[in-house]
Amino acid sequence: TDLSHETDGYGKVTSGYSNIISKSVYSLPLHSNYHVAKMDDILSGMAGFKDKVIVLDVKMIGNYYLEENLIHLSRQLVKLINKHGIQNQVIVEFISIELAVIFQEMAPDIRIFAATGNVETAIAWQDSLSIEGIVMDVRNLTRSQVEQVHDAGLSISVYNAMSKNENDRALDLEVDYLMTDQLNYALRIAGRN
């Protein structure tokens, strides 16, 4: 949220302009010499990956809870998705049901996942909009919760699979989508090359 925490830049991301923010260079050892990337540039670089799922995790920072800001953010997301032609391969994760409802009104065919951190709350989103699934931390997920999500006709995506044990856990729980830092390991234990 603040460029001075991990880059050579300064100021809050929400207060800056993308052309200024993108000049900031990461200061963390693994990312040093990398500039903060614009989503537009990242998606342009993924043009050859039409068979892959792209997950956009929409963070809510600052005053984005105001309705006019939710509308603006939704318009920008729809514009970005349409510009890059990724409508059929993108999943958009929202923590705000208000933002998800506005977004779905603008782009009814884009897949939405609820990232509420609570299975019951996420499932209840189905009362207000059409969602495809929910997002949960693999470390806080149980077999009964996965069954509850599947029984509701939804998919489940997990994050924080940073270790081999967490990847094993995700596959044992039979989740639908796995966001992992151990990609080669996950593919190997899932039986793929």
N, C-alpha and C. Protein backbone atom coordinates (compact mmCIF):
# COMPACT_ATOMS: atom_id res chain seq x y z
N THR A 1 0.81 -1.21 0.00
CA THR A 1 0.00 0.00 0.00
C THR A 1 0.85 1.26 0.00
N ASP A 2 2.08 1.18 0.49
CA ASP A 2 2.98 2.33 0.56
C ASP A 2 4.27 1.96 -0.16
N LEU A 3 4.62 2.74 -1.16
CA LEU A 3 5.80 2.43 -1.97
C LEU A 3 7.09 2.41 -1.16
N SER A 4 7.17 3.20 -0.09
CA SER A 4 8.41 3.28 0.68
C SER A 4 8.71 1.99 1.46
N HIS A 5 7.73 1.08 1.59
CA HIS A 5 7.95 -0.16 2.34
C HIS A 5 8.80 -1.16 1.57
N GLU A 6 8.64 -1.25 0.26
CA GLU A 6 9.34 -2.29 -0.50
C GLU A 6 10.01 -1.79 -1.78
N THR A 7 9.97 -0.48 -2.00
CA THR A 7 10.58 0.06 -3.22
C THR A 7 11.40 1.30 -2.89
N ASP A 8 12.04 1.84 -3.92
CA ASP A 8 12.78 3.09 -3.73
C ASP A 8 11.86 4.31 -3.91
N GLY A 9 10.58 4.06 -4.13
CA GLY A 9 9.60 5.13 -4.28
C GLY A 9 9.06 5.56 -2.92
N TYR A 10 8.11 6.46 -2.95
CA TYR A 10 7.50 6.93 -1.71
C TYR A 10 6.04 7.26 -1.95
N GLY A 11 5.27 7.24 -0.87
CA GLY A 11 3.86 7.59 -0.95
C GLY A 11 2.96 6.38 -1.09
N LYS A 12 1.69 6.62 -0.81
CA LYS A 12 0.68 5.56 -0.91
C LYS A 12 0.34 5.29 -2.38
N VAL A 13 0.17 4.03 -2.70
CA VAL A 13 -0.15 3.63 -4.07
C VAL A 13 -1.45 4.29 -4.52
N THR A 14 -2.43 4.40 -3.62
CA THR A 14 -3.73 4.96 -3.98
C THR A 14 -3.65 6.46 -4.27
N SER A 15 -2.56 7.10 -3.88
CA SER A 15 -2.42 8.55 -4.10
C SER A 15 -1.58 8.87 -5.32
N GLY A 16 -0.99 7.85 -5.94
CA GLY A 16 -0.07 8.10 -7.04
C GLY A 16 -0.67 7.85 -8.41
N TYR A 17 0.10 8.17 -9.40
CA TYR A 17 -0.28 7.92 -10.79
C TYR A 17 0.54 6.74 -11.31
N SER A 18 -0.07 5.91 -12.13
CA SER A 18 0.59 4.68 -12.56
C SER A 18 1.92 4.93 -13.26
N ASN A 19 2.02 6.01 -14.03
CA ASN A 19 3.29 6.26 -14.73
C ASN A 19 4.41 6.64 -13.75
N ILE A 20 4.07 7.19 -12.59
CA ILE A 20 5.06 7.50 -11.57
C ILE A 20 5.35 6.27 -10.73
N ILE A 21 4.31 5.55 -10.34
CA ILE A 21 4.47 4.33 -9.53
C ILE A 21 5.33 3.32 -10.28
N SER A 22 5.13 3.18 -11.58
CA SER A 22 5.87 2.17 -12.36
C SER A 22 7.35 2.50 -12.51
N LYS A 23 7.78 3.66 -12.11
CA LYS A 23 9.22 4.01 -12.12
C LYS A 23 9.90 3.54 -10.85
N SER A 24 9.13 3.15 -9.84
CA SER A 24 9.69 2.67 -8.58
C SER A 24 10.32 1.29 -8.80
N VAL A 25 11.44 1.06 -8.12
CA VAL A 25 12.16 -0.21 -8.22
C VAL A 25 12.07 -0.91 -6.87
N TYR A 26 11.77 -2.22 -6.92
CA TYR A 26 11.68 -2.99 -5.68
C TYR A 26 13.03 -3.03 -4.98
N SER A 27 13.00 -2.98 -3.65
CA SER A 27 14.22 -3.03 -2.86
C SER A 27 14.45 -4.39 -2.22
N LEU A 28 13.47 -5.28 -2.28
CA LEU A 28 13.62 -6.61 -1.69
C LEU A 28 14.64 -7.42 -2.49
N PRO A 29 15.47 -8.22 -1.83
CA PRO A 29 16.55 -8.93 -2.52
C PRO A 29 16.11 -9.75 -3.73
N LEU A 30 15.01 -10.51 -3.61
CA LEU A 30 14.58 -11.35 -4.73
C LEU A 30 14.00 -10.56 -5.88
N HIS A 31 13.60 -9.32 -5.63
CA HIS A 31 12.95 -8.53 -6.66
C HIS A 31 13.74 -7.29 -7.05
N SER A 32 14.94 -7.13 -6.49
CA SER A 32 15.71 -5.93 -6.78
C SER A 32 15.97 -5.83 -8.28
N ASN A 33 15.99 -4.64 -8.76
CA ASN A 33 16.15 -4.31 -10.18
C ASN A 33 14.87 -4.50 -10.99
N TYR A 34 13.77 -4.86 -10.35
CA TYR A 34 12.49 -4.94 -11.04
C TYR A 34 11.65 -3.71 -10.70
N HIS A 35 11.05 -3.16 -11.73
CA HIS A 35 10.14 -2.03 -11.53
C HIS A 35 8.76 -2.54 -11.13
N VAL A 36 8.01 -1.72 -10.44
CA VAL A 36 6.61 -2.03 -10.17
C VAL A 36 5.91 -2.04 -11.52
N ALA A 37 5.21 -3.11 -11.80
CA ALA A 37 4.60 -3.28 -13.12
C ALA A 37 3.15 -2.79 -13.13
N LYS A 38 2.74 -2.27 -14.25
CA LYS A 38 1.33 -1.92 -14.47
C LYS A 38 0.61 -3.19 -14.91
N MET A 39 -0.64 -3.33 -14.48
CA MET A 39 -1.43 -4.50 -14.91
C MET A 39 -1.51 -4.58 -16.42
N ASP A 40 -1.62 -3.44 -17.06
CA ASP A 40 -1.70 -3.41 -18.52
C ASP A 40 -0.46 -4.06 -19.13
N ASP A 41 0.72 -3.76 -18.58
CA ASP A 41 1.97 -4.34 -19.09
C ASP A 41 2.05 -5.84 -18.81
N ILE A 42 1.60 -6.25 -17.62
CA ILE A 42 1.62 -7.67 -17.27
C ILE A 42 0.72 -8.46 -18.22
N LEU A 43 -0.49 -7.95 -18.44
CA LEU A 43 -1.42 -8.65 -19.32
C LEU A 43 -0.95 -8.63 -20.76
N SER A 44 -0.29 -7.58 -21.19
CA SER A 44 0.28 -7.54 -22.55
C SER A 44 1.33 -8.62 -22.71
N GLY A 45 2.11 -8.86 -21.66
CA GLY A 45 3.15 -9.88 -21.70
C GLY A 45 2.60 -11.30 -21.65
N MET A 46 1.33 -11.45 -21.33
CA MET A 46 0.72 -12.78 -21.23
C MET A 46 -0.11 -13.12 -22.47
N ALA A 47 0.06 -12.37 -23.52
CA ALA A 47 -0.77 -12.54 -24.71
C ALA A 47 -0.73 -13.96 -25.27
N GLY A 48 0.38 -14.66 -25.11
CA GLY A 48 0.51 -16.02 -25.65
C GLY A 48 -0.05 -17.10 -24.74
N PHE A 49 -0.61 -16.73 -23.61
CA PHE A 49 -1.09 -17.71 -22.64
C PHE A 49 -2.61 -17.83 -22.66
N LYS A 50 -3.18 -17.98 -23.83
CA LYS A 50 -4.64 -18.02 -23.97
C LYS A 50 -5.28 -19.25 -23.35
N ASP A 51 -4.49 -20.29 -23.08
CA ASP A 51 -5.05 -21.51 -22.49
C ASP A 51 -4.92 -21.53 -20.97
N LYS A 52 -4.45 -20.43 -20.37
CA LYS A 52 -4.24 -20.35 -18.92
C LYS A 52 -5.32 -19.52 -18.25
N VAL A 53 -5.58 -19.84 -16.99
CA VAL A 53 -6.51 -19.05 -16.18
C VAL A 53 -5.72 -17.90 -15.56
N ILE A 54 -6.27 -16.71 -15.65
CA ILE A 54 -5.66 -15.53 -15.04
C ILE A 54 -6.55 -15.10 -13.88
N VAL A 55 -5.97 -14.99 -12.70
CA VAL A 55 -6.72 -14.60 -11.51
C VAL A 55 -6.36 -13.17 -11.15
N LEU A 56 -7.37 -12.33 -11.09
CA LEU A 56 -7.18 -10.95 -10.64
C LEU A 56 -7.75 -10.84 -9.23
N ASP A 57 -6.87 -10.63 -8.27
CA ASP A 57 -7.23 -10.51 -6.85
C ASP A 57 -7.39 -9.03 -6.55
N VAL A 58 -8.63 -8.57 -6.44
CA VAL A 58 -8.92 -7.15 -6.28
C VAL A 58 -8.82 -6.76 -4.81
N LYS A 59 -7.85 -5.92 -4.50
CA LYS A 59 -7.65 -5.45 -3.12
C LYS A 59 -8.45 -4.18 -2.90
N MET A 60 -8.91 -4.00 -1.68
CA MET A 60 -9.67 -2.81 -1.32
C MET A 60 -8.84 -1.97 -0.35
N ILE A 61 -8.44 -0.80 -0.79
CA ILE A 61 -7.59 0.07 0.02
C ILE A 61 -8.22 1.45 0.11
N GLY A 62 -8.16 2.03 1.28
CA GLY A 62 -8.58 3.42 1.44
C GLY A 62 -10.06 3.63 1.22
N ASN A 63 -10.39 4.68 0.47
CA ASN A 63 -11.79 5.09 0.31
C ASN A 63 -12.48 4.40 -0.87
N TYR A 64 -12.00 3.26 -1.29
CA TYR A 64 -12.63 2.56 -2.40
C TYR A 64 -14.00 2.00 -2.03
N TYR A 65 -14.41 2.13 -0.78
CA TYR A 65 -15.72 1.66 -0.39
C TYR A 65 -16.83 2.66 -0.74
N LEU A 66 -16.46 3.86 -1.17
CA LEU A 66 -17.46 4.82 -1.62
C LEU A 66 -18.02 4.35 -2.95
N GLU A 67 -19.33 4.52 -3.16
CA GLU A 67 -19.97 3.98 -4.36
C GLU A 67 -19.36 4.47 -5.65
N GLU A 68 -19.06 5.77 -5.72
CA GLU A 68 -18.48 6.28 -6.97
C GLU A 68 -17.12 5.66 -7.26
N ASN A 69 -16.38 5.30 -6.21
CA ASN A 69 -15.09 4.65 -6.42
C ASN A 69 -15.26 3.18 -6.82
N LEU A 70 -16.29 2.54 -6.29
CA LEU A 70 -16.58 1.16 -6.68
C LEU A 70 -16.97 1.10 -8.16
N ILE A 71 -17.75 2.06 -8.60
CA ILE A 71 -18.15 2.14 -10.00
C ILE A 71 -16.93 2.39 -10.88
N HIS A 72 -16.07 3.33 -10.46
CA HIS A 72 -14.86 3.64 -11.23
C HIS A 72 -13.94 2.41 -11.32
N LEU A 73 -13.72 1.74 -10.19
CA LEU A 73 -12.86 0.56 -10.19
C LEU A 73 -13.44 -0.53 -11.09
N SER A 74 -14.75 -0.74 -11.02
CA SER A 74 -15.39 -1.75 -11.87
C SER A 74 -15.20 -1.42 -13.34
N ARG A 75 -15.42 -0.16 -13.70
CA ARG A 75 -15.22 0.25 -15.10
C ARG A 75 -13.79 -0.01 -15.57
N GLN A 76 -12.83 0.31 -14.71
CA GLN A 76 -11.42 0.12 -15.08
C GLN A 76 -11.09 -1.36 -15.24
N LEU A 77 -11.63 -2.20 -14.36
CA LEU A 77 -11.41 -3.65 -14.48
C LEU A 77 -12.00 -4.19 -15.78
N VAL A 78 -13.23 -3.80 -16.07
CA VAL A 78 -13.89 -4.25 -17.29
C VAL A 78 -13.11 -3.78 -18.52
N LYS A 79 -12.68 -2.54 -18.49
CA LYS A 79 -11.90 -1.98 -19.61
C LYS A 79 -10.60 -2.77 -19.81
N LEU A 80 -9.90 -3.07 -18.73
CA LEU A 80 -8.64 -3.82 -18.80
C LEU A 80 -8.87 -5.23 -19.35
N ILE A 81 -9.89 -5.90 -18.84
CA ILE A 81 -10.20 -7.27 -19.27
C ILE A 81 -10.58 -7.27 -20.76
N ASN A 82 -11.42 -6.35 -21.17
CA ASN A 82 -11.84 -6.28 -22.57
C ASN A 82 -10.68 -5.92 -23.49
N LYS A 83 -9.85 -4.98 -23.07
CA LYS A 83 -8.71 -4.56 -23.89
C LYS A 83 -7.80 -5.74 -24.23
N HIS A 84 -7.61 -6.64 -23.26
CA HIS A 84 -6.69 -7.76 -23.47
C HIS A 84 -7.41 -9.04 -23.91
N GLY A 85 -8.73 -8.97 -24.08
CA GLY A 85 -9.47 -10.11 -24.60
C GLY A 85 -9.39 -11.34 -23.73
N ILE A 86 -9.38 -11.16 -22.42
CA ILE A 86 -9.23 -12.30 -21.50
C ILE A 86 -10.54 -12.66 -20.81
N GLN A 87 -11.65 -12.24 -21.36
CA GLN A 87 -12.96 -12.47 -20.74
C GLN A 87 -13.21 -13.94 -20.41
N ASN A 88 -12.75 -14.84 -21.28
CA ASN A 88 -13.03 -16.27 -21.10
C ASN A 88 -12.00 -16.99 -20.24
N GLN A 89 -10.93 -16.31 -19.86
CA GLN A 89 -9.90 -16.99 -19.08
C GLN A 89 -9.63 -16.33 -17.74
N VAL A 90 -10.37 -15.30 -17.40
CA VAL A 90 -10.10 -14.57 -16.17
C VAL A 90 -11.09 -14.95 -15.07
N ILE A 91 -10.57 -15.01 -13.85
CA ILE A 91 -11.38 -15.10 -12.64
C ILE A 91 -11.06 -13.85 -11.84
N VAL A 92 -12.09 -13.14 -11.39
CA VAL A 92 -11.88 -11.95 -10.59
C VAL A 92 -12.33 -12.26 -9.16
N GLU A 93 -11.39 -12.07 -8.22
CA GLU A 93 -11.66 -12.32 -6.81
C GLU A 93 -11.98 -11.00 -6.13
N PHE A 94 -13.09 -10.98 -5.39
CA PHE A 94 -13.51 -9.78 -4.67
C PHE A 94 -13.68 -10.09 -3.19
N ILE A 95 -13.29 -9.13 -2.34
CA ILE A 95 -13.60 -9.23 -0.91
C ILE A 95 -14.85 -8.43 -0.57
N SER A 96 -15.26 -7.57 -1.49
CA SER A 96 -16.42 -6.71 -1.28
C SER A 96 -17.58 -7.15 -2.15
N ILE A 97 -18.68 -7.53 -1.53
CA ILE A 97 -19.86 -7.93 -2.30
C ILE A 97 -20.42 -6.73 -3.06
N GLU A 98 -20.31 -5.53 -2.49
CA GLU A 98 -20.80 -4.33 -3.18
C GLU A 98 -20.07 -4.13 -4.49
N LEU A 99 -18.75 -4.28 -4.46
CA LEU A 99 -17.96 -4.14 -5.68
C LEU A 99 -18.28 -5.27 -6.66
N ALA A 100 -18.43 -6.48 -6.17
CA ALA A 100 -18.74 -7.62 -7.04
C ALA A 100 -20.07 -7.44 -7.75
N VAL A 101 -21.07 -6.92 -7.05
CA VAL A 101 -22.39 -6.70 -7.66
C VAL A 101 -22.28 -5.66 -8.77
N ILE A 102 -21.61 -4.56 -8.51
CA ILE A 102 -21.44 -3.50 -9.53
C ILE A 102 -20.67 -4.04 -10.72
N PHE A 103 -19.59 -4.78 -10.46
CA PHE A 103 -18.79 -5.35 -11.53
C PHE A 103 -19.62 -6.31 -12.38
N GLN A 104 -20.41 -7.16 -11.72
CA GLN A 104 -21.20 -8.14 -12.47
C GLN A 104 -22.27 -7.48 -13.33
N GLU A 105 -22.80 -6.36 -12.88
CA GLU A 105 -23.75 -5.62 -13.70
C GLU A 105 -23.10 -5.13 -14.99
N MET A 106 -21.82 -4.77 -14.91
CA MET A 106 -21.09 -4.28 -16.08
C MET A 106 -20.55 -5.41 -16.95
N ALA A 107 -20.21 -6.53 -16.33
CA ALA A 107 -19.60 -7.65 -17.06
C ALA A 107 -20.21 -8.97 -16.55
N PRO A 108 -21.45 -9.26 -16.96
CA PRO A 108 -22.16 -10.42 -16.40
C PRO A 108 -21.55 -11.78 -16.73
N ASP A 109 -20.69 -11.86 -17.74
CA ASP A 109 -20.14 -13.15 -18.14
C ASP A 109 -18.76 -13.45 -17.55
N ILE A 110 -18.20 -12.51 -16.78
CA ILE A 110 -16.89 -12.72 -16.18
C ILE A 110 -17.05 -13.54 -14.90
N ARG A 111 -16.18 -14.52 -14.72
CA ARG A 111 -16.24 -15.41 -13.56
C ARG A 111 -15.81 -14.66 -12.30
N ILE A 112 -16.59 -14.82 -11.22
CA ILE A 112 -16.33 -14.14 -9.96
C ILE A 112 -16.17 -15.17 -8.84
N PHE A 113 -15.16 -14.95 -8.01
CA PHE A 113 -14.96 -15.73 -6.79
C PHE A 113 -15.06 -14.80 -5.60
N ALA A 114 -15.69 -15.27 -4.53
CA ALA A 114 -15.81 -14.51 -3.29
C ALA A 114 -14.61 -14.81 -2.41
N ALA A 115 -13.91 -13.76 -2.00
CA ALA A 115 -12.71 -13.90 -1.16
C ALA A 115 -12.99 -13.33 0.22
N THR A 116 -14.00 -13.86 0.88
CA THR A 116 -14.45 -13.31 2.15
C THR A 116 -13.69 -13.85 3.35
N GLY A 117 -13.01 -14.99 3.18
CA GLY A 117 -12.31 -15.60 4.30
C GLY A 117 -13.21 -16.46 5.17
N ASN A 118 -14.48 -16.57 4.79
CA ASN A 118 -15.46 -17.34 5.56
C ASN A 118 -16.36 -18.07 4.58
N VAL A 119 -16.45 -19.38 4.71
CA VAL A 119 -17.21 -20.20 3.77
C VAL A 119 -18.69 -19.81 3.74
N GLU A 120 -19.30 -19.66 4.90
CA GLU A 120 -20.73 -19.36 4.95
C GLU A 120 -21.03 -18.00 4.31
N THR A 121 -20.21 -17.01 4.61
CA THR A 121 -20.40 -15.68 4.04
C THR A 121 -20.26 -15.72 2.52
N ALA A 122 -19.25 -16.43 2.05
CA ALA A 122 -19.03 -16.52 0.61
C ALA A 122 -20.19 -17.22 -0.09
N ILE A 123 -20.66 -18.31 0.47
CA ILE A 123 -21.78 -19.03 -0.13
C ILE A 123 -23.02 -18.13 -0.16
N ALA A 124 -23.21 -17.31 0.86
CA ALA A 124 -24.37 -16.42 0.92
C ALA A 124 -24.35 -15.36 -0.18
N TRP A 125 -23.19 -15.13 -0.79
CA TRP A 125 -23.13 -14.18 -1.92
C TRP A 125 -24.06 -14.61 -3.04
N GLN A 126 -24.35 -15.89 -3.13
CA GLN A 126 -25.22 -16.40 -4.20
C GLN A 126 -26.62 -15.80 -4.13
N ASP A 127 -26.98 -15.23 -2.99
CA ASP A 127 -28.28 -14.58 -2.86
C ASP A 127 -28.33 -13.26 -3.62
N SER A 128 -27.17 -12.66 -3.87
CA SER A 128 -27.11 -11.33 -4.50
C SER A 128 -26.50 -11.32 -5.90
N LEU A 129 -25.71 -12.32 -6.23
CA LEU A 129 -25.07 -12.34 -7.54
C LEU A 129 -24.67 -13.75 -7.90
N SER A 130 -24.26 -13.92 -9.13
CA SER A 130 -23.84 -15.22 -9.62
C SER A 130 -22.33 -15.34 -9.45
N ILE A 131 -21.91 -16.25 -8.57
CA ILE A 131 -20.48 -16.49 -8.39
C ILE A 131 -20.16 -17.91 -8.80
N GLU A 132 -18.92 -18.11 -9.20
CA GLU A 132 -18.48 -19.44 -9.59
C GLU A 132 -17.82 -20.17 -8.43
N GLY A 133 -17.22 -19.41 -7.52
CA GLY A 133 -16.51 -20.08 -6.44
C GLY A 133 -16.10 -19.15 -5.33
N ILE A 134 -15.33 -19.74 -4.41
CA ILE A 134 -14.81 -18.96 -3.30
C ILE A 134 -13.31 -19.17 -3.18
N VAL A 135 -12.67 -18.28 -2.46
CA VAL A 135 -11.22 -18.32 -2.25
C VAL A 135 -10.97 -18.44 -0.75
N MET A 136 -10.08 -19.37 -0.38
CA MET A 136 -9.77 -19.57 1.04
C MET A 136 -8.27 -19.81 1.22
N ASP A 137 -7.82 -19.54 2.43
CA ASP A 137 -6.45 -19.86 2.84
C ASP A 137 -6.40 -21.36 3.10
N VAL A 138 -5.53 -22.07 2.42
CA VAL A 138 -5.46 -23.53 2.56
C VAL A 138 -5.17 -23.94 4.00
N ARG A 139 -4.50 -23.06 4.75
CA ARG A 139 -4.13 -23.40 6.13
C ARG A 139 -5.34 -23.39 7.06
N ASN A 140 -6.45 -22.75 6.64
CA ASN A 140 -7.63 -22.65 7.49
C ASN A 140 -8.82 -23.44 6.95
N LEU A 141 -8.56 -24.36 6.06
CA LEU A 141 -9.65 -25.05 5.36
C LEU A 141 -9.78 -26.49 5.85
N THR A 142 -11.02 -26.93 5.98
CA THR A 142 -11.28 -28.31 6.41
C THR A 142 -11.99 -29.08 5.29
N ARG A 143 -11.97 -30.37 5.39
CA ARG A 143 -12.66 -31.24 4.42
C ARG A 143 -14.16 -30.92 4.39
N SER A 144 -14.77 -30.71 5.55
CA SER A 144 -16.21 -30.42 5.57
C SER A 144 -16.52 -29.08 4.90
N GLN A 145 -15.63 -28.11 5.00
CA GLN A 145 -15.85 -26.84 4.32
C GLN A 145 -15.78 -27.01 2.81
N VAL A 146 -14.82 -27.81 2.33
CA VAL A 146 -14.72 -28.07 0.90
C VAL A 146 -16.00 -28.75 0.41
N GLU A 147 -16.49 -29.72 1.17
CA GLU A 147 -17.73 -30.39 0.80
C GLU A 147 -18.91 -29.42 0.81
N GLN A 148 -18.95 -28.53 1.78
CA GLN A 148 -20.01 -27.52 1.87
C GLN A 148 -20.00 -26.62 0.63
N VAL A 149 -18.82 -26.21 0.20
CA VAL A 149 -18.68 -25.36 -0.99
C VAL A 149 -19.13 -26.13 -2.23
N HIS A 150 -18.67 -27.35 -2.37
CA HIS A 150 -19.05 -28.16 -3.53
C HIS A 150 -20.55 -28.47 -3.53
N ASP A 151 -21.11 -28.72 -2.36
CA ASP A 151 -22.56 -28.97 -2.26
C ASP A 151 -23.37 -27.76 -2.68
N ALA A 152 -22.80 -26.56 -2.52
CA ALA A 152 -23.47 -25.32 -2.94
C ALA A 152 -23.29 -25.06 -4.44
N GLY A 153 -22.61 -26.00 -5.13
CA GLY A 153 -22.41 -25.86 -6.57
C GLY A 153 -21.29 -24.91 -6.95
N LEU A 154 -20.37 -24.67 -6.03
CA LEU A 154 -19.28 -23.72 -6.25
C LEU A 154 -17.94 -24.43 -6.30
N SER A 155 -16.98 -23.78 -6.93
CA SER A 155 -15.59 -24.24 -6.93
C SER A 155 -14.88 -23.58 -5.76
N ILE A 156 -13.73 -24.15 -5.40
CA ILE A 156 -12.93 -23.55 -4.33
C ILE A 156 -11.49 -23.42 -4.78
N SER A 157 -10.95 -22.23 -4.55
CA SER A 157 -9.57 -21.91 -4.87
C SER A 157 -8.84 -21.62 -3.57
N VAL A 158 -7.61 -22.11 -3.44
CA VAL A 158 -6.86 -21.87 -2.22
C VAL A 158 -5.55 -21.15 -2.51
N TYR A 159 -5.12 -20.37 -1.53
CA TYR A 159 -3.84 -19.67 -1.60
C TYR A 159 -3.03 -20.01 -0.36
N ASN A 160 -1.82 -19.52 -0.29
CA ASN A 160 -0.87 -19.77 0.80
C ASN A 160 -0.35 -21.20 0.80
N ALA A 161 -0.33 -21.84 -0.35
CA ALA A 161 0.30 -23.16 -0.47
C ALA A 161 1.77 -22.91 -0.78
N MET A 162 2.51 -22.53 0.26
CA MET A 162 3.90 -22.14 0.07
C MET A 162 4.88 -23.27 0.35
N SER A 163 4.42 -24.32 0.99
CA SER A 163 5.31 -25.43 1.31
C SER A 163 4.79 -26.70 0.64
N LYS A 164 5.62 -27.72 0.64
CA LYS A 164 5.19 -29.00 0.09
C LYS A 164 4.02 -29.57 0.90
N ASN A 165 4.07 -29.42 2.22
CA ASN A 165 2.98 -29.91 3.07
C ASN A 165 1.66 -29.23 2.74
N GLU A 166 1.70 -27.92 2.50
CA GLU A 166 0.47 -27.18 2.19
C GLU A 166 -0.07 -27.58 0.82
N ASN A 167 0.82 -27.90 -0.12
CA ASN A 167 0.38 -28.40 -1.42
C ASN A 167 -0.25 -29.78 -1.28
N ASP A 168 0.38 -30.65 -0.48
CA ASP A 168 -0.20 -31.97 -0.22
C ASP A 168 -1.58 -31.82 0.39
N ARG A 169 -1.71 -30.91 1.34
CA ARG A 169 -2.99 -30.67 2.02
C ARG A 169 -4.06 -30.23 1.03
N ALA A 170 -3.71 -29.30 0.13
CA ALA A 170 -4.67 -28.81 -0.85
C ALA A 170 -5.15 -29.93 -1.76
N LEU A 171 -4.23 -30.76 -2.22
CA LEU A 171 -4.62 -31.87 -3.09
C LEU A 171 -5.43 -32.92 -2.34
N ASP A 172 -5.07 -33.17 -1.08
CA ASP A 172 -5.85 -34.11 -0.26
C ASP A 172 -7.27 -33.60 -0.04
N LEU A 173 -7.43 -32.28 0.09
CA LEU A 173 -8.76 -31.69 0.29
C LEU A 173 -9.57 -31.64 -1.00
N GLU A 174 -8.92 -31.92 -2.15
CA GLU A 174 -9.57 -31.93 -3.46
C GLU A 174 -10.16 -30.57 -3.83
N VAL A 175 -9.32 -29.54 -3.67
CA VAL A 175 -9.75 -28.21 -4.09
C VAL A 175 -9.71 -28.12 -5.61
N ASP A 176 -10.36 -27.12 -6.16
CA ASP A 176 -10.45 -26.99 -7.61
C ASP A 176 -9.30 -26.18 -8.22
N TYR A 177 -8.85 -25.16 -7.48
CA TYR A 177 -7.76 -24.31 -7.95
C TYR A 177 -6.74 -24.16 -6.82
N LEU A 178 -5.47 -24.23 -7.20
CA LEU A 178 -4.38 -24.15 -6.23
C LEU A 178 -3.41 -23.06 -6.64
N MET A 179 -3.31 -22.02 -5.80
CA MET A 179 -2.30 -20.98 -6.02
C MET A 179 -1.11 -21.34 -5.15
N THR A 180 0.01 -21.62 -5.77
CA THR A 180 1.15 -22.18 -5.05
C THR A 180 2.46 -21.52 -5.41
N ASP A 181 3.38 -21.54 -4.46
CA ASP A 181 4.76 -21.11 -4.70
C ASP A 181 5.62 -22.31 -5.09
N GLN A 182 5.07 -23.50 -5.02
CA GLN A 182 5.79 -24.75 -5.30
C GLN A 182 5.20 -25.41 -6.55
N LEU A 183 5.20 -24.69 -7.66
CA LEU A 183 4.51 -25.16 -8.86
C LEU A 183 5.03 -26.50 -9.35
N ASN A 184 6.34 -26.67 -9.47
CA ASN A 184 6.88 -27.94 -9.97
C ASN A 184 6.47 -29.11 -9.07
N TYR A 185 6.53 -28.91 -7.77
CA TYR A 185 6.12 -29.95 -6.84
C TYR A 185 4.64 -30.26 -6.98
N ALA A 186 3.82 -29.23 -7.03
CA ALA A 186 2.37 -29.43 -7.15
C ALA A 186 2.02 -30.19 -8.42
N LEU A 187 2.66 -29.84 -9.54
CA LEU A 187 2.39 -30.53 -10.79
C LEU A 187 2.85 -31.99 -10.71
N ARG A 188 3.99 -32.23 -10.08
CA ARG A 188 4.51 -33.58 -9.96
C ARG A 188 3.56 -34.46 -9.12
N ILE A 189 3.11 -33.95 -7.98
CA ILE A 189 2.25 -34.80 -7.13
C ILE A 189 0.83 -34.91 -7.70
N ALA A 190 0.48 -33.99 -8.59
CA ALA A 190 -0.83 -34.08 -9.24
C ALA A 190 -0.77 -35.02 -10.45
N GLY A 191 0.44 -35.55 -10.74
CA GLY A 191 0.59 -36.53 -11.82
C GLY A 191 0.85 -35.92 -13.19
N ARG A 192 1.30 -34.67 -13.21
CA ARG A 192 1.60 -34.01 -14.49
C ARG A 192 3.09 -33.76 -14.60
N ASN A 193 3.54 -33.55 -15.81
CA ASN A 193 4.96 -33.21 -16.04
C ASN A 193 5.13 -31.72 -16.07
